[in-house]
Protein backbone atom coordinates (compact mmCIF):
# COMPACT_ATOMS: atom_id res chain seq x y z
CA MET A 1 160.27 81.81 68.34
CA ARG A 2 162.18 82.12 65.08
CA GLN A 3 163.77 78.80 64.13
CA ASP A 4 165.90 79.78 61.11
CA ARG A 5 168.28 82.04 63.06
CA GLN A 6 167.91 84.78 60.54
CA LYS A 7 169.80 87.57 62.24
CA VAL A 8 167.50 89.83 64.20
CA ALA A 9 168.16 93.53 64.72
CA LEU A 10 166.65 95.91 67.24
CA VAL A 11 166.69 99.55 66.14
CA THR A 12 165.65 102.22 68.64
CA GLY A 13 164.32 105.57 67.49
CA ALA A 14 163.05 103.77 64.41
CA ALA A 15 160.30 106.30 63.71
CA GLY A 16 162.83 109.08 63.15
CA SER A 17 164.63 109.78 59.90
CA LEU A 18 167.85 108.02 60.88
CA GLY A 19 166.16 105.08 62.58
CA PHE A 20 163.79 104.45 59.70
CA ALA A 21 166.61 104.55 57.14
CA ALA A 22 168.72 102.21 59.28
CA SER A 23 165.81 99.81 59.68
CA GLU A 24 165.24 99.69 55.94
CA ASN A 25 168.96 99.22 55.22
CA LEU A 26 169.27 96.32 57.67
CA ALA A 27 166.08 94.69 56.44
CA ARG A 28 167.27 94.91 52.83
CA ALA A 29 170.46 93.15 53.96
CA GLY A 30 168.28 90.18 54.93
CA HIS A 31 167.84 90.74 58.64
CA HIS A 32 164.58 90.76 60.56
CA VAL A 33 164.27 94.21 62.13
CA VAL A 34 162.31 95.11 65.24
CA MET A 35 161.60 98.83 65.00
CA LEU A 36 161.29 100.35 68.47
CA ASP A 37 159.88 103.79 69.13
CA ILE A 38 157.42 105.57 71.40
CA ALA A 39 155.86 107.43 68.46
CA ASP A 40 152.31 106.52 67.46
CA SER A 41 153.47 106.28 63.85
CA ILE A 42 155.76 103.29 64.40
CA ASP A 43 153.12 100.71 63.40
CA ASP A 44 152.41 102.51 60.14
CA GLN A 45 156.11 102.92 59.40
CA ALA A 46 156.78 99.24 59.97
CA ALA A 47 153.81 98.43 57.74
CA GLU A 48 155.31 100.66 55.03
CA LEU A 49 158.48 98.60 54.99
CA SER A 50 156.52 95.35 55.17
CA ARG A 51 154.67 96.35 52.01
CA LYS A 52 158.06 96.52 50.31
CA GLY A 53 158.56 92.87 51.16
CA LEU A 54 160.93 93.52 54.06
CA SER A 55 160.96 91.56 57.31
CA VAL A 56 160.15 94.06 60.05
CA ALA A 57 158.00 94.38 63.15
CA ALA A 58 157.01 97.35 65.30
CA LEU A 59 157.61 97.60 69.04
CA ALA A 60 156.10 100.52 70.93
CA ALA A 61 158.12 101.23 74.06
CA ASN A 62 159.29 104.12 76.21
CA LEU A 63 163.06 104.09 76.60
CA ALA A 64 162.83 106.38 79.61
CA ASP A 65 160.60 103.97 81.56
CA GLU A 66 162.65 101.00 82.72
CA GLU A 67 159.69 99.23 84.32
CA SER A 68 157.84 98.96 81.02
CA LEU A 69 160.86 98.84 78.70
CA ILE A 70 162.54 95.75 80.10
CA PRO A 71 159.47 93.44 79.94
CA ALA A 72 158.83 94.62 76.37
CA ILE A 73 162.42 93.87 75.35
CA ARG A 74 162.40 90.47 77.02
CA ALA A 75 159.14 89.52 75.32
CA ALA A 76 160.41 90.63 71.91
CA SER A 77 163.70 88.81 72.46
CA ALA A 78 161.88 85.61 73.37
CA ASP A 79 159.63 85.90 70.32
CA ASN A 80 162.63 86.29 68.01
CA GLY A 81 165.12 83.92 69.60
CA GLY A 82 167.30 86.80 70.78
CA PHE A 83 168.75 89.89 69.14
CA ASP A 84 171.94 89.66 67.12
CA ILE A 85 172.25 93.34 66.20
CA LEU A 86 171.50 96.26 68.52
CA VAL A 87 171.36 99.74 67.02
CA ASN A 88 170.84 102.52 69.56
CA ILE A 89 169.71 105.59 67.63
CA ALA A 90 166.99 107.12 69.81
CA GLY A 91 167.87 110.49 71.24
CA ILE A 92 166.34 113.77 72.25
CA SER A 93 167.59 117.33 72.52
CA LEU A 94 165.75 119.81 74.71
CA ARG A 95 165.97 123.43 73.58
CA ARG A 96 164.32 126.71 74.49
CA ASN A 97 162.46 128.39 71.63
CA GLY A 98 164.57 126.31 69.28
CA GLN A 99 167.82 127.56 70.80
CA LYS A 100 170.59 126.00 72.86
CA VAL A 101 169.99 126.35 76.62
CA PRO A 102 173.00 127.72 78.54
CA ALA A 103 174.44 125.29 81.08
CA VAL A 104 173.50 127.41 84.09
CA ASP A 105 169.86 127.51 82.97
CA ILE A 106 169.31 123.77 82.49
CA PRO A 107 166.84 122.36 85.03
CA LEU A 108 167.83 119.09 86.70
CA GLU A 109 164.62 117.57 85.34
CA ASP A 110 165.76 118.25 81.77
CA TRP A 111 169.21 116.85 82.53
CA ASN A 112 167.70 113.64 83.93
CA THR A 113 165.30 113.28 81.00
CA ILE A 114 168.04 113.47 78.39
CA MET A 115 170.26 111.12 80.38
CA ALA A 116 167.44 108.59 80.60
CA VAL A 117 166.66 108.55 76.88
CA ASN A 118 170.07 109.14 75.32
CA LEU A 119 172.38 107.24 77.68
CA THR A 120 170.70 105.14 80.36
CA SER A 121 168.53 103.38 77.78
CA VAL A 122 171.68 102.30 75.94
CA PHE A 123 173.04 100.79 79.15
CA LEU A 124 169.75 99.02 79.87
CA LEU A 125 169.52 97.52 76.39
CA VAL A 126 173.17 96.47 76.43
CA ARG A 127 172.64 94.76 79.78
CA GLU A 128 169.60 92.90 78.47
CA ILE A 129 170.73 91.98 74.97
CA VAL A 130 174.51 91.57 74.89
CA PRO A 131 174.66 88.44 77.10
CA GLY A 132 172.71 86.55 74.43
CA MET A 133 175.16 87.73 71.77
CA VAL A 134 178.06 86.53 73.90
CA GLU A 135 176.39 83.16 74.40
CA ARG A 136 175.83 82.74 70.65
CA LYS A 137 179.36 84.00 69.87
CA TRP A 138 178.19 86.66 67.42
CA GLY A 139 176.85 90.15 67.84
CA ARG A 140 176.93 93.73 66.67
CA VAL A 141 176.27 96.75 68.85
CA ILE A 142 176.14 100.11 67.07
CA ASN A 143 175.61 103.23 69.12
CA MET A 144 174.80 106.72 67.93
CA SER A 145 176.98 109.60 69.03
CA SER A 146 177.28 112.95 67.25
CA VAL A 147 179.80 115.47 66.07
CA GLY A 148 178.83 117.25 69.30
CA GLY A 149 180.15 114.32 71.29
CA ARG A 150 183.47 114.67 69.51
CA THR A 151 184.02 118.44 69.46
CA GLY A 152 181.48 120.04 71.79
CA CYS A 153 177.97 121.16 70.92
CA THR A 154 177.21 124.33 69.01
CA VAL A 155 173.43 124.01 68.80
CA ASN A 156 172.61 121.69 71.73
CA GLY A 157 173.17 122.04 75.45
CA ILE A 158 175.72 120.32 77.67
CA HIS A 159 173.22 117.65 78.70
CA TYR A 160 172.89 116.42 75.11
CA CYS A 161 176.61 116.80 74.44
CA ALA A 162 177.49 114.89 77.62
CA THR A 163 175.39 111.90 76.58
CA LYS A 164 176.94 111.77 73.13
CA ALA A 165 180.49 111.88 74.52
CA ALA A 166 179.59 109.26 77.12
CA ILE A 167 178.30 106.95 74.40
CA ILE A 168 181.83 106.75 73.01
CA GLY A 169 183.36 105.83 76.37
CA LEU A 170 180.63 103.30 77.06
CA SER A 171 181.09 101.70 73.66
CA ARG A 172 184.86 101.41 73.84
CA THR A 173 184.78 99.93 77.33
CA LEU A 174 182.11 97.40 76.34
CA ALA A 175 184.02 96.56 73.15
CA VAL A 176 186.96 95.30 75.20
CA GLU A 177 184.72 93.27 77.49
CA VAL A 178 183.00 91.31 74.71
CA ALA A 179 185.63 91.18 71.96
CA LYS A 180 186.66 87.56 72.51
CA ALA A 181 183.03 86.48 72.04
CA ASN A 182 182.99 87.81 68.45
CA VAL A 183 180.78 90.71 69.50
CA THR A 184 181.79 94.10 68.13
CA VAL A 185 180.78 97.48 69.53
CA ASN A 186 181.16 100.57 67.39
CA VAL A 187 179.92 104.14 67.19
CA VAL A 188 178.54 106.29 64.40
CA ALA A 189 178.94 110.05 64.90
CA PRO A 190 176.95 112.03 62.32
CA GLY A 191 177.48 115.68 61.55
CA ARG A 192 174.73 117.85 60.08
CA ILE A 193 172.17 115.49 58.54
CA GLU A 194 168.94 116.20 56.66
CA THR A 195 166.58 115.24 59.46
CA ALA A 196 163.22 116.78 60.31
CA ILE A 197 164.83 118.87 63.06
CA ASN A 198 167.53 120.30 60.80
CA LYS A 199 165.05 120.98 57.99
CA ALA A 200 162.89 122.92 60.43
CA GLU A 201 165.91 125.03 61.42
CA GLY A 202 166.91 125.74 57.82
CA THR A 203 169.86 124.49 55.83
CA ALA A 204 172.05 127.61 56.13
CA ALA A 205 174.11 127.56 52.95
CA GLU A 206 176.82 129.61 54.62
CA PHE A 207 177.28 126.87 57.23
CA ILE A 208 177.79 124.29 54.48
CA ASP A 209 180.24 126.54 52.63
CA LYS A 210 182.26 127.17 55.79
CA TYR A 211 182.30 123.76 57.47
CA ILE A 212 181.43 120.93 55.05
CA PRO A 213 183.98 120.34 52.28
CA VAL A 214 181.70 117.98 50.32
CA GLY A 215 179.26 120.87 49.92
CA ARG A 216 176.03 119.34 51.18
CA LEU A 217 174.27 118.04 54.26
CA GLY A 218 174.37 114.33 54.92
CA THR A 219 171.32 112.16 54.36
CA PRO A 220 169.79 109.52 56.62
CA GLU A 221 170.85 107.00 53.99
CA ASP A 222 174.50 108.06 54.43
CA VAL A 223 174.27 107.21 58.12
CA ALA A 224 172.28 104.02 57.47
CA ALA A 225 174.97 102.78 55.08
CA ALA A 226 177.61 103.11 57.80
CA ILE A 227 175.38 101.28 60.27
CA GLY A 228 174.74 98.55 57.72
CA PHE A 229 178.46 98.07 57.19
CA LEU A 230 179.19 97.88 60.91
CA ALA A 231 176.47 95.24 61.26
CA SER A 232 177.98 93.10 58.52
CA ASP A 233 180.57 90.34 58.57
CA GLY A 234 182.82 92.70 56.64
CA ALA A 235 183.28 94.77 59.79
CA SER A 236 184.25 91.83 62.00
CA TYR A 237 187.73 93.27 62.66
CA MET A 238 186.40 96.69 63.68
CA THR A 239 185.49 97.29 67.29
CA GLY A 240 185.71 100.31 69.54
CA ALA A 241 185.78 102.51 66.44
CA VAL A 242 184.00 105.80 65.80
CA LEU A 243 182.87 106.47 62.23
CA ASP A 244 182.50 110.21 61.61
CA ILE A 245 179.81 110.78 59.00
CA ASN A 246 180.22 114.53 58.58
CA GLY A 247 181.30 115.38 55.03
CA GLY A 248 184.80 116.32 56.13
CA TRP A 249 183.74 118.71 58.89
CA PHE A 250 186.83 117.81 60.97
CA MET A 251 189.13 119.04 58.18
CA THR A 252 187.87 122.62 58.33
CA PRO A 253 189.58 125.20 60.59
């Protein structure tokens, strides 16, 4: 168990572009970061940050499998003396030939899969980790929504969009419940970001010209910076907030 009470962060989806950038940002801020992902690459990615002198550890776990997830989280929490920062980034989007699936064509199995990874896992981790934050009288929960959870999805189906909207309601309700314990709960809602998925689809210069006043896609580092701020003492008076990291997308008609 860690004795120095260096703040410990758990970042889910840490093998992805956003999760990796967030893990590095938090580690550079002096926190110990447990990088959780189901991807085989998570050990190598944690090692990459360790070689930079950052305090990180890998945790391989399946967010959609409660029976294996919860013991893994409890073991990691015990090893680290609890988690002070919880960053829920992991998420999936199921498409058909790279395209949005119409609502009437979505199989119940796909609906349940997205709910399990994008939403139920957030609830499970909150239930496991937040009580320790409340007991220690300090905590930060940062959940990942999306511009699709704010306006409706243009490239993802209703199952994905429903989870991202639900994240906001979950976060605001939890924020009220734990506010007096000095635990904040906030949401980051990115727009179009330079992730592997978006690069595979193409940048579409006309989309940027039409919808993004700053004239570029966001970067994982843009999102990580917002997460880092929300995890800091400087954000202690912010809770139940949604930070829209979208280059001004909401200002366009």
